Amino acid sequence: MDSPNTIYHVRKNAIARLASSSPTPALDADLLLCHVLGRDRPYLFAHPEHLLTDAEYTAFQHLVARASDGEPIAYLLGHRGFFDLDLIVTPAVLIPRPETELLLEAALAFAPVNQPVSAADIGTGSGALAVTFAKHRPLAHVHAVDVSGNALAVAQQNAEKYAVSGRITWHHGSLLEPLIAQSVRLDLLMANLPYIPRDVVQELDVSRHEPMLALDGGIDGLDLIRELLGQMRGVLRPGGLALLEFGAGQGADVLAAARERFGDDLAAHIIYDYAGHDRHLHMLMP
């Protein structure tokens, strides 16, 4: 293992290089190395003496340099795991987060597997919610809406990858406006809209690489959530479920906005994530 081009040496050097920019430098280095070599992670540990070709070494060093500058690993790899799928991601879409899997779980719990359901994913981005829900509910039809045409293109690729394109209708537009125009009625509404306050988002590292359109939630972060709540009546059927994601600490304000719109006796509560943070509004349309 004296050659600097062995897995052992390039991995060791990459971990050291990524340590200052990532909380998981070993995992990041391994994912990039697996990507370049076309191998799985156990291979790296079983074959530390494996020599990289010059082309592989150059490609790996290039990726490590981009990662050390803060570029998300998911963008470098071109994919990210979500629930039980592996989704295509590009810089045109927000990288799916584990917290959003809890929203999906609530949606799946609401919708029986053997019954038709009309659902929507508002601000679909990569299509994480739309595609995964359609994959797990074969009788569902999903409306996926996004204001970004580039994001919709990525979501459509994911739908094709998992053979659910025929049960997803794509809408290029803002929030529920395309559905209102077509008199669509829903049983289930899912939304992971931008929720970071405008004066905060510019200070976050995430704003350097992920699309600002998917991050900026307005003055207090809740502009789009309030607008969506104002559009729901007449689209979401009575007894239908709305699931809205928001930022930690915003739960009380989101719940207050929902009750201001639909009444104090609204059947709604907050779902907390595994870290104990308020994360989703669970609301039944009166």
C-alpha atoms as a PDB file:
ATOM      1  CA  MET A   1       0.000   0.000   0.000  1.00  0.00           C
ATOM      2  CA  ASP A   2       2.995   2.289  -0.556  1.00  0.00           C
ATOM      3  CA  SER A   3       1.516   3.797  -3.733  1.00  0.00           C
ATOM      4  CA  PRO A   4      -0.378   7.049  -3.138  1.00  0.00           C
ATOM      5  CA  ASN A   5      -3.036   5.776  -5.568  1.00  0.00           C
ATOM      6  CA  THR A   6      -4.295   2.889  -3.401  1.00  0.00           C
ATOM      7  CA  ILE A   7      -7.767   2.974  -1.889  1.00  0.00           C
ATOM      8  CA  TYR A   8      -6.140   3.119   1.550  1.00  0.00           C
ATOM      9  CA  HIS A   9      -4.143   6.263   0.843  1.00  0.00           C
ATOM     10  CA  VAL A  10      -6.634   8.220  -1.253  1.00  0.00           C
ATOM     11  CA  ARG A  11      -9.402   7.462   1.248  1.00  0.00           C
ATOM     12  CA  LYS A  12      -7.242   8.522   4.208  1.00  0.00           C
ATOM     13  CA  ASN A  13      -6.237  11.780   2.526  1.00  0.00           C
ATOM     14  CA  ALA A  14      -9.790  12.552   1.444  1.00  0.00           C
ATOM     15  CA  ILE A  15     -11.143  12.077   4.977  1.00  0.00           C
ATOM     16  CA  ALA A  16      -8.541  14.505   6.309  1.00  0.00           C
ATOM     17  CA  ARG A  17      -9.393  16.999   3.572  1.00  0.00           C
ATOM     18  CA  LEU A  18     -13.138  16.805   4.231  1.00  0.00           C
ATOM     19  CA  ALA A  19     -12.905  16.934   8.030  1.00  0.00           C
ATOM     20  CA  SER A  20     -13.170  20.716   8.194  1.00  0.00           C
ATOM     21  CA  SER A  21     -16.221  20.972   5.935  1.00  0.00           C
ATOM     22  CA  SER A  22     -18.333  17.908   6.765  1.00  0.00           C
ATOM     23  CA  PRO A  23     -19.638  16.274   9.960  1.00  0.00           C
ATOM     24  CA  THR A  24     -19.303  12.889   8.198  1.00  0.00           C
ATOM     25  CA  PRO A  25     -15.982  13.042   6.307  1.00  0.00           C
ATOM     26  CA  ALA A  26     -15.416   9.258   6.219  1.00  0.00           C
ATOM     27  CA  LEU A  27     -18.881   8.544   4.850  1.00  0.00           C
ATOM     28  CA  ASP A  28     -18.583  11.328   2.280  1.00  0.00           C
ATOM     29  CA  ALA A  29     -15.172  10.122   1.125  1.00  0.00           C
ATOM     30  CA  ASP A  30     -16.451   6.562   0.824  1.00  0.00           C
ATOM     31  CA  LEU A  31     -19.544   7.559  -1.151  1.00  0.00           C
ATOM     32  CA  LEU A  32     -17.467   9.553  -3.617  1.00  0.00           C
ATOM     33  CA  LEU A  33     -14.895   6.794  -3.942  1.00  0.00           C
ATOM     34  CA  CYS A  34     -17.583   4.163  -4.519  1.00  0.00           C
ATOM     35  CA  HIS A  35     -19.104   6.434  -7.154  1.00  0.00           C
ATOM     36  CA  VAL A  36     -15.821   6.780  -9.028  1.00  0.00           C
ATOM     37  CA  LEU A  37     -14.878   3.092  -8.787  1.00  0.00           C
ATOM     38  CA  GLY A  38     -18.344   1.655  -9.371  1.00  0.00           C
ATOM     39  CA  ARG A  39     -17.938  -0.447  -6.204  1.00  0.00           C
ATOM     40  CA  ASP A  40     -19.817  -0.760  -2.923  1.00  0.00           C
ATOM     41  CA  ARG A  41     -18.525   0.374   0.441  1.00  0.00           C
ATOM     42  CA  PRO A  42     -17.530  -3.079   1.741  1.00  0.00           C
ATOM     43  CA  TYR A  43     -15.169  -3.347  -1.237  1.00  0.00           C
ATOM     44  CA  LEU A  44     -13.205  -0.340   0.022  1.00  0.00           C
ATOM     45  CA  PHE A  45     -12.490  -2.037   3.338  1.00  0.00           C
ATOM     46  CA  ALA A  46     -11.818  -5.451   1.827  1.00  0.00           C
ATOM     47  CA  HIS A  47      -9.368  -4.162  -0.811  1.00  0.00           C
ATOM     48  CA  PRO A  48      -7.338  -1.262   0.633  1.00  0.00           C
ATOM     49  CA  GLU A  49      -4.483  -2.186  -1.733  1.00  0.00           C
ATOM     50  CA  HIS A  50      -6.606  -1.626  -4.871  1.00  0.00           C
ATOM     51  CA  LEU A  51      -4.865   0.824  -7.200  1.00  0.00           C
ATOM     52  CA  LEU A  52      -6.895   3.588  -8.786  1.00  0.00           C
ATOM     53  CA  THR A  53      -6.174   4.351 -12.417  1.00  0.00           C
ATOM     54  CA  ASP A  54      -4.908   7.829 -13.194  1.00  0.00           C
ATOM     55  CA  ALA A  55      -8.341   8.756 -14.548  1.00  0.00           C
ATOM     56  CA  GLU A  56     -10.074   7.458 -11.410  1.00  0.00           C
ATOM     57  CA  TYR A  57      -7.628   9.273  -9.157  1.00  0.00           C
ATOM     58  CA  THR A  58      -8.118  12.569 -11.015  1.00  0.00           C
ATOM     59  CA  ALA A  59     -11.901  12.215 -10.981  1.00  0.00           C
ATOM     60  CA  PHE A  60     -11.932  11.428  -7.276  1.00  0.00           C
ATOM     61  CA  GLN A  61      -9.705  14.370  -6.365  1.00  0.00           C
ATOM     62  CA  HIS A  62     -11.966  16.672  -8.375  1.00  0.00           C
ATOM     63  CA  LEU A  63     -15.044  15.485  -6.474  1.00  0.00           C
ATOM     64  CA  VAL A  64     -13.300  15.792  -3.111  1.00  0.00           C
ATOM     65  CA  ALA A  65     -12.283  19.363  -3.947  1.00  0.00           C
ATOM     66  CA  ARG A  66     -15.905  20.252  -4.745  1.00  0.00           C
ATOM     67  CA  ALA A  67     -17.139  18.540  -1.589  1.00  0.00           C
ATOM     68  CA  SER A  68     -14.566  20.331   0.564  1.00  0.00           C
ATOM     69  CA  ASP A  69     -15.949  23.606  -0.800  1.00  0.00           C
ATOM     70  CA  GLY A  70     -19.352  22.647   0.579  1.00  0.00           C
ATOM     71  CA  GLU A  71     -21.042  21.255  -2.533  1.00  0.00           C
ATOM     72  CA  PRO A  72     -23.566  18.658  -1.334  1.00  0.00           C
ATOM     73  CA  ILE A  73     -22.603  15.030  -1.814  1.00  0.00           C
ATOM     74  CA  ALA A  74     -26.036  14.272  -3.281  1.00  0.00           C
ATOM     75  CA  TYR A  75     -25.433  16.703  -6.138  1.00  0.00           C
ATOM     76  CA  LEU A  76     -21.988  15.240  -6.778  1.00  0.00           C
ATOM     77  CA  LEU A  77     -23.421  11.719  -6.909  1.00  0.00           C
ATOM     78  CA  GLY A  78     -26.581  12.744  -8.762  1.00  0.00           C
ATOM     79  CA  HIS A  79     -28.901  10.831  -6.462  1.00  0.00           C
ATOM     80  CA  ARG A  80     -30.198  10.660  -2.895  1.00  0.00           C
ATOM     81  CA  GLY A  81     -32.065   7.998  -0.944  1.00  0.00           C
ATOM     82  CA  PHE A  82     -35.590   8.851   0.218  1.00  0.00           C
ATOM     83  CA  PHE A  83     -37.748   6.362   2.116  1.00  0.00           C
ATOM     84  CA  ASP A  84     -37.116   3.170   0.094  1.00  0.00           C
ATOM     85  CA  LEU A  85     -36.291   4.816  -3.248  1.00  0.00           C
ATOM     86  CA  ASP A  86     -33.102   6.246  -4.720  1.00  0.00           C
ATOM     87  CA  LEU A  87     -34.041   9.527  -6.368  1.00  0.00           C
ATOM     88  CA  ILE A  88     -32.283  11.488  -9.080  1.00  0.00           C
ATOM     89  CA  VAL A  89     -31.302  14.930  -7.794  1.00  0.00           C
ATOM     90  CA  THR A  90     -29.694  17.917  -9.480  1.00  0.00           C
ATOM     91  CA  PRO A  91     -28.988  21.494  -8.339  1.00  0.00           C
ATOM     92  CA  ALA A  92     -32.445  22.359  -9.741  1.00  0.00           C
ATOM     93  CA  VAL A  93     -34.111  20.679  -6.760  1.00  0.00           C
ATOM     94  CA  LEU A  94     -33.877  20.690  -2.998  1.00  0.00           C
ATOM     95  CA  ILE A  95     -32.157  17.581  -1.667  1.00  0.00           C
ATOM     96  CA  PRO A  96     -34.780  15.363   0.043  1.00  0.00           C
ATOM     97  CA  ARG A  97     -34.426  15.307   3.833  1.00  0.00           C
ATOM     98  CA  PRO A  98     -35.172  12.448   6.255  1.00  0.00           C
ATOM     99  CA  GLU A  99     -37.694  14.652   8.092  1.00  0.00           C
ATOM    100  CA  THR A 100     -39.939  14.614   5.034  1.00  0.00           C
ATOM    101  CA  GLU A 101     -40.170  10.826   5.256  1.00  0.00           C
ATOM    102  CA  LEU A 102     -42.335  11.345   8.360  1.00  0.00           C
ATOM    103  CA  LEU A 103     -44.776  13.370   6.282  1.00  0.00           C
ATOM    104  CA  LEU A 104     -44.882  10.541   3.747  1.00  0.00           C
ATOM    105  CA  GLU A 105     -45.519   8.001   6.513  1.00  0.00           C
ATOM    106  CA  ALA A 106     -48.511  10.043   7.715  1.00  0.00           C
ATOM    107  CA  ALA A 107     -49.838  10.213   4.151  1.00  0.00           C
ATOM    108  CA  LEU A 108     -49.504   6.451   3.682  1.00  0.00           C
ATOM    109  CA  ALA A 109     -51.238   5.828   7.011  1.00  0.00           C
ATOM    110  CA  PHE A 110     -54.164   7.973   5.863  1.00  0.00           C
ATOM    111  CA  ALA A 111     -54.587   6.389   2.418  1.00  0.00           C
ATOM    112  CA  PRO A 112     -55.581   2.687   2.312  1.00  0.00           C
ATOM    113  CA  VAL A 113     -53.508   0.688  -0.140  1.00  0.00           C
ATOM    114  CA  ASN A 114     -56.553  -0.888  -1.783  1.00  0.00           C
ATOM    115  CA  GLN A 115     -58.629   2.255  -2.390  1.00  0.00           C
ATOM    116  CA  PRO A 116     -58.402   4.999  -5.031  1.00  0.00           C
ATOM    117  CA  VAL A 117     -57.188   8.331  -3.697  1.00  0.00           C
ATOM    118  CA  SER A 118     -56.662  11.732  -5.280  1.00  0.00           C
ATOM    119  CA  ALA A 119     -53.506  13.306  -3.864  1.00  0.00           C
ATOM    120  CA  ALA A 120     -51.273  16.284  -4.549  1.00  0.00           C
ATOM    121  CA  ASP A 121     -47.659  17.169  -3.862  1.00  0.00           C
ATOM    122  CA  ILE A 122     -47.362  20.957  -3.847  1.00  0.00           C
ATOM    123  CA  GLY A 123     -43.826  22.189  -4.485  1.00  0.00           C
ATOM    124  CA  THR A 124     -42.820  18.725  -5.639  1.00  0.00           C
ATOM    125  CA  GLY A 125     -39.144  19.478  -6.352  1.00  0.00           C
ATOM    126  CA  SER A 126     -37.475  16.122  -7.039  1.00  0.00           C
ATOM    127  CA  GLY A 127     -40.857  14.427  -6.805  1.00  0.00           C
ATOM    128  CA  ALA A 128     -39.876  12.734  -3.553  1.00  0.00           C
ATOM    129  CA  LEU A 129     -43.383  12.775  -2.082  1.00  0.00           C
ATOM    130  CA  ALA A 130     -45.328  12.400  -5.331  1.00  0.00           C
ATOM    131  CA  VAL A 131     -43.279   9.517  -6.716  1.00  0.00           C
ATOM    132  CA  THR A 132     -42.867   7.605  -3.465  1.00  0.00           C
ATOM    133  CA  PHE A 133     -46.545   7.950  -2.561  1.00  0.00           C
ATOM    134  CA  ALA A 134     -47.587   6.777  -6.037  1.00  0.00           C
ATOM    135  CA  LYS A 135     -45.178   3.844  -5.789  1.00  0.00           C
ATOM    136  CA  HIS A 136     -46.715   2.692  -2.499  1.00  0.00           C
ATOM    137  CA  ARG A 137     -50.354   3.396  -3.368  1.00  0.00           C
ATOM    138  CA  PRO A 138     -50.990   1.783  -6.769  1.00  0.00           C
ATOM    139  CA  LEU A 139     -54.597   3.031  -6.978  1.00  0.00           C
ATOM    140  CA  ALA A 140     -53.660   6.648  -6.269  1.00  0.00           C
ATOM    141  CA  HIS A 141     -53.523   9.480  -8.757  1.00  0.00           C
ATOM    142  CA  VAL A 142     -51.148  12.278  -7.798  1.00  0.00           C
ATOM    143  CA  HIS A 143     -51.026  15.880  -8.960  1.00  0.00           C
ATOM    144  CA  ALA A 144     -47.481  17.256  -8.721  1.00  0.00           C
ATOM    145  CA  VAL A 145     -47.089  21.039  -8.826  1.00  0.00           C
ATOM    146  CA  ASP A 146     -43.990  23.196  -8.967  1.00  0.00           C
ATOM    147  CA  VAL A 147     -43.246  26.737 -10.028  1.00  0.00           C
ATOM    148  CA  SER A 148     -39.903  25.556 -11.451  1.00  0.00           C
ATOM    149  CA  GLY A 149     -39.966  23.849 -14.816  1.00  0.00           C
ATOM    150  CA  ASN A 150     -36.457  22.507 -14.226  1.00  0.00           C
ATOM    151  CA  ALA A 151     -37.583  20.882 -10.976  1.00  0.00           C
ATOM    152  CA  LEU A 152     -40.555  19.278 -12.735  1.00  0.00           C
ATOM    153  CA  ALA A 153     -38.188  17.790 -15.303  1.00  0.00           C
ATOM    154  CA  VAL A 154     -36.214  16.072 -12.530  1.00  0.00           C
ATOM    155  CA  ALA A 155     -39.414  14.852 -10.859  1.00  0.00           C
ATOM    156  CA  GLN A 156     -40.588  13.402 -14.179  1.00  0.00           C
ATOM    157  CA  GLN A 157     -37.318  11.481 -14.500  1.00  0.00           C
ATOM    158  CA  ASN A 158     -37.894   9.977 -11.075  1.00  0.00           C
ATOM    159  CA  ALA A 159     -41.463   9.039 -11.985  1.00  0.00           C
ATOM    160  CA  GLU A 160     -40.207   7.289 -15.110  1.00  0.00           C
ATOM    161  CA  LYS A 161     -37.484   5.536 -13.117  1.00  0.00           C
ATOM    162  CA  TYR A 162     -40.085   3.989 -10.819  1.00  0.00           C
ATOM    163  CA  ALA A 163     -42.765   3.448 -13.477  1.00  0.00           C
ATOM    164  CA  VAL A 164     -45.424   5.705 -11.940  1.00  0.00           C
ATOM    165  CA  SER A 165     -45.591   8.377 -14.668  1.00  0.00           C
ATOM    166  CA  GLY A 166     -49.019   7.211 -15.785  1.00  0.00           C
ATOM    167  CA  ARG A 167     -50.532   8.077 -12.405  1.00  0.00           C
ATOM    168  CA  ILE A 168     -48.982  11.516 -11.934  1.00  0.00           C
ATOM    169  CA  THR A 169     -50.256  14.693 -13.565  1.00  0.00           C
ATOM    170  CA  TRP A 170     -47.664  17.453 -13.751  1.00  0.00           C
ATOM    171  CA  HIS A 171     -48.549  21.105 -13.268  1.00  0.00           C
ATOM    172  CA  HIS A 172     -46.177  24.014 -13.865  1.00  0.00           C
ATOM    173  CA  GLY A 173     -47.494  26.764 -11.629  1.00  0.00           C
ATOM    174  CA  SER A 174     -47.815  28.243  -8.168  1.00  0.00           C
ATOM    175  CA  LEU A 175     -49.319  26.309  -5.256  1.00  0.00           C
ATOM    176  CA  LEU A 176     -52.934  25.250  -5.903  1.00  0.00           C
ATOM    177  CA  GLU A 177     -53.573  27.675  -8.763  1.00  0.00           C
ATOM    178  CA  PRO A 178     -53.270  25.026 -11.529  1.00  0.00           C
ATOM    179  CA  LEU A 179     -55.589  22.668  -9.633  1.00  0.00           C
ATOM    180  CA  ILE A 180     -58.153  25.402  -8.959  1.00  0.00           C
ATOM    181  CA  ALA A 181     -58.142  26.266 -12.665  1.00  0.00           C
ATOM    182  CA  GLN A 182     -58.924  22.638 -13.522  1.00  0.00           C
ATOM    183  CA  SER A 183     -61.456  22.110 -10.685  1.00  0.00           C
ATOM    184  CA  VAL A 184     -59.377  19.299  -9.188  1.00  0.00           C
ATOM    185  CA  ARG A 185     -60.645  17.860  -5.903  1.00  0.00           C
ATOM    186  CA  LEU A 186     -58.274  16.152  -3.487  1.00  0.00           C
ATOM    187  CA  ASP A 187     -58.451  13.618  -0.686  1.00  0.00           C
ATOM    188  CA  LEU A 188     -54.869  14.282   0.380  1.00  0.00           C
ATOM    189  CA  LEU A 189     -52.576  17.289   0.097  1.00  0.00           C
ATOM    190  CA  MET A 190     -48.847  17.107   0.855  1.00  0.00           C
ATOM    191  CA  ALA A 191     -46.545  20.118   0.773  1.00  0.00           C
ATOM    192  CA  ASN A 192     -42.937  20.783   1.669  1.00  0.00           C
ATOM    193  CA  LEU A 193     -42.752  24.459   0.756  1.00  0.00           C
ATOM    194  CA  PRO A 194     -39.924  26.940   1.385  1.00  0.00           C
ATOM    195  CA  TYR A 195     -40.045  27.941   5.063  1.00  0.00           C
ATOM    196  CA  ILE A 196     -36.750  29.660   5.919  1.00  0.00           C
ATOM    197  CA  PRO A 197     -37.121  33.379   6.778  1.00  0.00           C
ATOM    198  CA  ARG A 198     -35.613  35.588   4.098  1.00  0.00           C
ATOM    199  CA  ASP A 199     -33.114  37.346   6.366  1.00  0.00           C
ATOM    200  CA  VAL A 200     -31.876  33.964   7.639  1.00  0.00           C
ATOM    201  CA  VAL A 201     -31.586  32.012   4.403  1.00  0.00           C
ATOM    202  CA  GLN A 202     -28.798  34.189   3.016  1.00  0.00           C
ATOM    203  CA  GLU A 203     -26.634  33.323   6.025  1.00  0.00           C
ATOM    204  CA  LEU A 204     -26.995  29.558   5.668  1.00  0.00           C
ATOM    205  CA  ASP A 205     -24.495  27.371   3.809  1.00  0.00           C
ATOM    206  CA  VAL A 206     -27.398  25.584   2.136  1.00  0.00           C
ATOM    207  CA  SER A 207     -28.141  28.737   0.143  1.00  0.00           C
ATOM    208  CA  ARG A 208     -24.777  28.472  -1.632  1.00  0.00           C
ATOM    209  CA  HIS A 209     -25.795  25.396  -3.581  1.00  0.00           C
ATOM    210  CA  GLU A 210     -29.470  24.486  -3.210  1.00  0.00           C
ATOM    211  CA  PRO A 211     -32.084  26.514  -5.143  1.00  0.00           C
ATOM    212  CA  MET A 212     -33.148  29.722  -3.416  1.00  0.00           C
ATOM    213  CA  LEU A 213     -36.626  29.213  -4.854  1.00  0.00           C
ATOM    214  CA  ALA A 214     -36.964  26.128  -2.627  1.00  0.00           C
ATOM    215  CA  LEU A 215     -35.615  27.828   0.513  1.00  0.00           C
ATOM    216  CA  ASP A 216     -36.914  31.402   0.808  1.00  0.00           C
ATOM    217  CA  GLY A 217     -40.213  31.427   2.687  1.00  0.00           C
ATOM    218  CA  GLY A 218     -40.629  35.179   2.876  1.00  0.00           C
ATOM    219  CA  ILE A 219     -40.328  37.562   5.811  1.00  0.00           C
ATOM    220  CA  ASP A 220     -41.053  35.057   8.588  1.00  0.00           C
ATOM    221  CA  GLY A 221     -40.756  31.912   6.468  1.00  0.00           C
ATOM    222  CA  LEU A 222     -44.485  31.215   6.349  1.00  0.00           C
ATOM    223  CA  ASP A 223     -45.679  33.312   3.396  1.00  0.00           C
ATOM    224  CA  LEU A 224     -46.301  30.365   1.085  1.00  0.00           C
ATOM    225  CA  ILE A 225     -47.795  28.184   3.814  1.00  0.00           C
ATOM    226  CA  ARG A 226     -50.353  30.886   4.637  1.00  0.00           C
ATOM    227  CA  GLU A 227     -51.122  31.349   0.942  1.00  0.00           C
ATOM    228  CA  LEU A 228     -51.612  27.609   0.525  1.00  0.00           C
ATOM    229  CA  LEU A 229     -53.961  27.448   3.511  1.00  0.00           C
ATOM    230  CA  GLY A 230     -55.989  30.225   1.913  1.00  0.00           C
ATOM    231  CA  GLN A 231     -56.408  28.227  -1.304  1.00  0.00           C
ATOM    232  CA  MET A 232     -57.399  24.865   0.186  1.00  0.00           C
ATOM    233  CA  ARG A 233     -61.148  25.207   0.650  1.00  0.00           C
ATOM    234  CA  GLY A 234     -62.901  23.922  -2.431  1.00  0.00           C
ATOM    235  CA  VAL A 235     -59.853  21.866  -3.464  1.00  0.00           C
ATOM    236  CA  LEU A 236     -59.343  19.576  -0.455  1.00  0.00           C
ATOM    237  CA  ARG A 237     -62.550  17.644   0.211  1.00  0.00           C
ATOM    238  CA  PRO A 238     -64.156  17.779   3.687  1.00  0.00           C
ATOM    239  CA  GLY A 239     -62.430  15.113   5.765  1.00  0.00           C
ATOM    240  CA  GLY A 240     -59.407  15.279   3.470  1.00  0.00           C
ATOM    241  CA  LEU A 241     -55.942  15.445   5.000  1.00  0.00           C
ATOM    242  CA  ALA A 242     -53.422  18.262   4.579  1.00  0.00           C
ATOM    243  CA  LEU A 243     -49.825  17.588   5.603  1.00  0.00           C
ATOM    244  CA  LEU A 244     -47.542  20.633   5.612  1.00  0.00           C
ATOM    245  CA  GLU A 245     -43.864  20.668   6.487  1.00  0.00           C
ATOM    246  CA  PHE A 246     -42.306  23.663   8.230  1.00  0.00           C
ATOM    247  CA  GLY A 247     -39.186  24.624  10.142  1.00  0.00           C
ATOM    248  CA  ALA A 248     -38.395  23.748  13.735  1.00  0.00           C
ATOM    249  CA  GLY A 249     -40.046  26.287  16.038  1.00  0.00           C
ATOM    250  CA  GLN A 250     -42.713  27.353  13.527  1.00  0.00           C
ATOM    251  CA  GLY A 251     -45.402  24.894  14.649  1.00  0.00           C
ATOM    252  CA  ALA A 252     -47.379  27.237  16.887  1.00  0.00           C
ATOM    253  CA  ASP A 253     -47.556  29.905  14.184  1.00  0.00           C
ATOM    254  CA  VAL A 254     -48.574  27.411  11.486  1.00  0.00           C
ATOM    255  CA  LEU A 255     -51.267  25.898  13.692  1.00  0.00           C
ATOM    256  CA  ALA A 256     -52.532  29.387  14.565  1.00  0.00           C
ATOM    257  CA  ALA A 257     -52.669  30.306  10.872  1.00  0.00           C
ATOM    258  CA  ALA A 258     -54.659  27.154  10.090  1.00  0.00           C
ATOM    259  CA  ARG A 259     -57.151  27.799  12.912  1.00  0.00           C
ATOM    260  CA  GLU A 260     -57.499  31.433  11.920  1.00  0.00           C
ATOM    261  CA  ARG A 261     -58.474  30.240   8.467  1.00  0.00           C
ATOM    262  CA  PHE A 262     -60.696  27.286   9.351  1.00  0.00           C
ATOM    263  CA  GLY A 263     -61.835  27.881  12.948  1.00  0.00           C
ATOM    264  CA  ASP A 264     -60.660  27.105  16.454  1.00  0.00           C
ATOM    265  CA  ASP A 265     -62.293  23.666  16.422  1.00  0.00           C
ATOM    266  CA  LEU A 266     -60.196  22.565  13.450  1.00  0.00           C
ATOM    267  CA  ALA A 267     -59.008  18.943  13.757  1.00  0.00           C
ATOM    268  CA  ALA A 268     -55.303  19.650  13.550  1.00  0.00           C
ATOM    269  CA  HIS A 269     -52.138  18.827  15.436  1.00  0.00           C
ATOM    270  CA  ILE A 270     -48.373  19.039  15.093  1.00  0.00           C
ATOM    271  CA  ILE A 271     -46.174  16.060  14.207  1.00  0.00           C
ATOM    272  CA  TYR A 272     -42.709  16.076  15.799  1.00  0.00           C
ATOM    273  CA  ASP A 273     -39.612  14.656  14.144  1.00  0.00           C
ATOM    274  CA  TYR A 274     -37.227  12.140  15.711  1.00  0.00           C
ATOM    275  CA  ALA A 275     -35.130  14.955  17.149  1.00  0.00           C
ATOM    276  CA  GLY A 276     -38.183  16.284  19.004  1.00  0.00           C
ATOM    277  CA  HIS A 277     -38.662  19.322  16.769  1.00  0.00           C
ATOM    278  CA  ASP A 278     -42.105  20.439  15.578  1.00  0.00           C
ATOM    279  CA  ARG A 279     -42.077  19.614  11.882  1.00  0.00           C
ATOM    280  CA  HIS A 280     -45.470  18.938  10.222  1.00  0.00           C
ATOM    281  CA  LEU A 281     -49.057  20.139  10.408  1.00  0.00           C
ATOM    282  CA  HIS A 282     -51.601  17.309  10.284  1.00  0.00           C
ATOM    283  CA  MET A 283     -54.968  18.887   9.414  1.00  0.00           C
ATOM    284  CA  LEU A 284     -58.348  17.445   8.423  1.00  0.00           C
ATOM    285  CA  MET A 285     -60.405  19.747   6.239  1.00  0.00           C
ATOM    286  CA  PRO A 286     -63.700  20.687   7.986  1.00  0.00           C
END
